């Protein structure tokens, strides 16, 4: 009876080569099956149904549209630091349309 000694590194090499060969066979089979196949000649019918769409402009004459109020624009929040007449420093936040509105309001106070 003969004993064959194969090193573990050699086994790993052979196993790795077998796995790589199987992967390459799989990829080549997919390539041949997908990229080289031609579409089948079937009956190709173009189906286009013209949709019936009606646009009603009666909404522009409705009372709901005529009585709508404009939406107020969003206000920004500004932080301020002022020195009062007493010499005290005061900080806070204020919501307004612009920085000029905040300045006008604070100067008026």
Protein backbone atom coordinates (compact mmCIF):
# COMPACT_ATOMS: atom_id res chain seq x y z
CA UNK A 1 0.00 0.00 0.00
CA UNK A 2 1.42 3.33 -1.04
CA UNK A 3 1.08 6.55 0.96
CA UNK A 4 0.86 9.82 -0.90
CA UNK A 5 1.87 12.89 0.97
CA UNK A 6 0.32 16.15 -0.23
CA UNK A 7 1.14 19.26 1.69
CA UNK A 8 -1.72 21.39 3.09
CA UNK A 9 -0.59 24.34 0.97
CA UNK A 10 -0.85 22.21 -2.14
CA UNK A 11 -4.36 21.13 -1.12
CA UNK A 12 -5.40 24.74 -0.62
CA UNK A 13 -3.97 25.67 -4.02
CA UNK A 14 -5.85 22.86 -5.76
CA UNK A 15 -9.08 23.70 -3.92
CA UNK A 16 -8.74 27.38 -4.81
CA UNK A 17 -8.04 26.57 -8.47
CA UNK A 18 -11.11 24.31 -8.63
CA UNK A 19 -13.32 27.05 -7.13
CA UNK A 20 -11.93 29.66 -9.55
CA UNK A 21 -12.42 27.33 -12.53
CA UNK A 22 -16.04 26.66 -11.53
CA UNK A 23 -16.67 30.39 -11.12
CA UNK A 24 -15.20 31.14 -14.55
CA UNK A 25 -17.34 28.40 -16.12
CA UNK A 26 -20.43 29.86 -14.45
CA UNK A 27 -19.62 33.40 -15.62
CA UNK A 28 -18.94 32.25 -19.18
CA UNK A 29 -22.22 30.27 -19.24
CA UNK A 30 -24.13 33.35 -18.06
CA UNK A 31 -22.34 35.51 -20.62
CA UNK A 32 -23.17 33.13 -23.45
CA UNK A 33 -26.75 32.70 -22.30
CA UNK A 34 -27.52 36.37 -21.77
CA UNK A 35 -25.40 38.45 -24.09
CA UNK A 36 -25.37 36.21 -27.14
CA UNK A 37 -29.06 35.29 -27.13
CA UNK A 38 -31.35 36.96 -29.62
CA UNK A 39 -34.88 38.10 -28.91
CA UNK A 40 -37.61 35.73 -29.96
CA UNK A 41 -39.76 36.70 -32.89
CA UNK A 42 -43.20 37.00 -31.43
CA UNK A 43 -46.20 39.00 -32.41
CA UNK A 44 -45.48 42.50 -31.31
CA UNK A 45 -48.63 44.54 -31.09
CA UNK A 46 -48.48 48.18 -30.23
CA UNK A 47 -51.25 48.84 -27.79
CA UNK A 48 -52.00 52.49 -27.31
CA UNK A 49 -55.34 53.53 -26.01
CA UNK A 50 -55.90 57.23 -26.36
CA UNK A 51 -57.06 58.34 -22.90
CA UNK A 52 -60.11 60.50 -22.70
CA UNK A 53 -59.12 63.46 -20.57
CA UNK A 54 -61.32 66.42 -19.94
CA UNK A 55 -60.00 69.54 -18.29
CA UNK A 56 -62.71 71.50 -16.57
CA UNK A 57 -62.01 75.19 -16.15
CA UNK A 58 -65.13 75.75 -14.04
CA UNK A 59 -62.99 75.84 -10.88
CA UNK A 60 -61.79 79.31 -11.83
CA UNK A 61 -65.37 80.61 -11.62
CA UNK A 62 -66.13 79.09 -8.20
CA UNK A 63 -66.73 81.18 -5.09
CA UNK A 64 -64.10 79.22 -3.14
CA UNK A 65 -61.35 80.37 -5.47
CA UNK A 66 -62.58 83.96 -5.60
CA UNK A 67 -62.75 84.27 -1.79
CA UNK A 68 -59.27 82.87 -1.08
CA UNK A 69 -56.96 84.85 1.16
CA UNK A 70 -53.26 85.17 0.30
CA UNK A 71 -50.92 83.11 2.46
CA UNK A 72 -48.77 85.11 4.83
CA UNK A 73 -45.09 84.64 4.10
CA UNK A 74 -43.05 82.76 6.69
CA UNK A 75 -41.23 84.85 9.22
CA UNK A 76 -37.59 84.38 10.09
CA UNK A 77 -36.28 84.31 13.61
CA UNK A 78 -33.58 86.85 14.45
CA UNK A 79 -31.47 87.09 17.58
CA UNK A 80 -30.61 90.49 18.93
CA UNK A 81 -28.42 92.06 21.60
CA UNK A 82 -29.13 95.61 22.67
CA UNK A 83 -27.93 97.99 25.35
CA UNK A 84 -30.77 99.81 27.07
CA UNK A 85 -30.69 103.43 28.23
CA UNK A 86 -29.88 102.15 31.71
CA UNK A 87 -26.69 100.56 30.36
CA UNK A 88 -27.97 97.02 30.74
CA UNK A 89 -27.34 94.51 27.99
CA UNK A 90 -30.39 92.60 26.78
CA UNK A 91 -30.54 89.67 24.36
CA UNK A 92 -33.47 87.89 22.81
CA UNK A 93 -35.13 86.48 19.74
CA UNK A 94 -37.73 88.03 17.47
CA UNK A 95 -39.68 86.79 14.46
CA UNK A 96 -40.04 89.18 11.53
CA UNK A 97 -39.92 89.37 7.76
CA UNK A 98 -36.51 91.03 7.59
CA UNK A 99 -33.71 92.38 9.77
CA UNK A 100 -34.84 95.94 9.01
CA UNK A 101 -38.23 95.22 10.59
CA UNK A 102 -36.51 93.98 13.74
CA UNK A 103 -34.30 97.11 13.87
CA UNK A 104 -37.30 99.42 13.42
CA UNK A 105 -39.26 97.64 16.14
CA UNK A 106 -36.37 97.66 18.61
CA UNK A 107 -35.58 101.33 17.96
CA UNK A 108 -39.22 102.20 18.54
CA UNK A 109 -39.12 100.40 21.90
